[in-house]
Amino acid sequence: GQYNLVLMDMRMPIVDGAAATRAIRAFETANHLTPTPIIALTASALEEDIVRCREAGCDAHISKPVTRSALIAAVRNAIGIAGTRSPR
């Protein structure tokens, strides 16, 4: 399928989020596809972990627990919608 956005949990049991992101990016490259925005979701807010997410190919990073406003802002930014007004 085709997706507009991926919310990637970076701590998954079998394949972690970094490996899954690298696999998605490799598939997109091999098939000449436009990259799908990927937002990393992780409990870690350490700079080194944020850098690892970016190096894996994630476009953005949100630390857990995720607030509604942070999620909406990240999604809007990732898919190119201006403004941060949240829906009711």
Protein backbone atom coordinates (compact mmCIF):
# COMPACT_ATOMS: atom_id res chain seq x y z
CA GLY A 1 0.00 0.00 0.00
CA GLN A 2 0.84 3.65 -0.12
CA TYR A 3 0.96 5.70 3.08
CA ASN A 4 1.02 9.45 3.73
CA LEU A 5 2.94 9.12 7.00
CA VAL A 6 4.51 6.51 9.27
CA LEU A 7 4.59 6.78 13.07
CA MET A 8 7.54 4.51 13.87
CA ASP A 9 7.93 3.02 17.35
CA MET A 10 11.69 2.77 17.75
CA ARG A 11 11.48 -0.07 20.31
CA MET A 12 9.78 -3.04 18.72
CA PRO A 13 10.54 -6.64 19.70
CA ILE A 14 11.61 -8.34 16.46
CA VAL A 15 12.74 -5.54 14.16
CA ASP A 16 13.50 -2.24 15.87
CA GLY A 17 12.33 1.06 14.44
CA ALA A 18 15.75 2.02 13.07
CA ALA A 19 16.02 -1.21 11.08
CA ALA A 20 12.43 -0.89 9.86
CA THR A 21 13.07 2.71 8.79
CA ARG A 22 16.24 1.72 6.92
CA ALA A 23 14.30 -1.06 5.16
CA ILE A 24 11.55 1.39 4.12
CA ARG A 25 14.13 3.88 2.83
CA ALA A 26 15.98 1.15 0.90
CA PHE A 27 12.70 -0.01 -0.69
CA GLU A 28 11.78 3.55 -1.65
CA THR A 29 15.21 4.14 -3.19
CA ALA A 30 15.25 0.84 -5.08
CA ASN A 31 11.80 1.54 -6.51
CA HIS A 32 12.31 5.26 -7.19
CA LEU A 33 9.50 6.20 -4.81
CA THR A 34 8.96 9.52 -3.08
CA PRO A 35 10.03 9.11 0.56
CA THR A 36 7.18 8.72 3.03
CA PRO A 37 7.56 10.98 6.07
CA ILE A 38 8.56 8.90 9.10
CA ILE A 39 8.17 10.24 12.64
CA ALA A 40 10.13 8.35 15.31
CA LEU A 41 8.32 7.70 18.59
CA THR A 42 10.62 6.85 21.48
CA ALA A 43 10.82 7.19 25.24
CA SER A 44 14.31 8.62 24.89
CA ALA A 45 14.92 12.33 24.46
CA LEU A 46 18.72 12.02 24.53
CA GLU A 47 20.47 13.81 21.68
CA GLU A 48 22.34 10.64 20.68
CA ASP A 49 19.05 8.74 20.29
CA ILE A 50 17.53 11.56 18.24
CA VAL A 51 20.62 11.49 15.99
CA ARG A 52 20.26 7.71 15.60
CA CYS A 53 16.66 8.16 14.48
CA ARG A 54 17.73 10.76 11.92
CA GLU A 55 20.61 8.60 10.70
CA ALA A 56 18.19 5.70 10.19
CA GLY A 57 16.09 7.94 7.94
CA CYS A 58 13.41 9.34 10.23
CA ASP A 59 12.24 12.85 9.39
CA ALA A 60 11.25 13.82 12.91
CA HIS A 61 11.35 12.62 16.52
CA ILE A 62 8.76 12.77 19.29
CA SER A 63 9.49 11.67 22.84
CA LYS A 64 6.98 9.59 24.78
CA PRO A 65 4.68 10.25 26.45
CA VAL A 66 3.37 11.97 23.34
CA THR A 67 1.17 14.99 23.82
CA ARG A 68 -1.66 15.68 21.43
CA SER A 69 -0.21 19.07 20.47
CA ALA A 70 3.27 17.66 19.78
CA LEU A 71 1.85 14.86 17.64
CA ILE A 72 -0.38 17.20 15.64
CA ALA A 73 2.47 19.67 15.11
CA ALA A 74 4.85 16.90 13.98
CA VAL A 75 2.28 15.41 11.59
CA ARG A 76 1.42 18.81 10.13
CA ASN A 77 5.10 19.59 9.66
CA ALA A 78 5.86 16.19 8.13
CA ILE A 79 3.09 16.37 5.56
CA GLY A 80 3.55 20.07 4.87
CA ILE A 81 0.46 21.63 6.44
CA ALA A 82 1.06 25.11 7.81
CA GLY A 83 -0.20 26.10 11.25
CA THR A 84 -0.55 24.18 14.46
CA ARG A 85 -4.24 24.66 15.30
CA SER A 86 -5.48 21.33 16.59
CA PRO A 87 -8.86 19.92 15.65
CA ARG A 88 -11.54 19.72 18.34
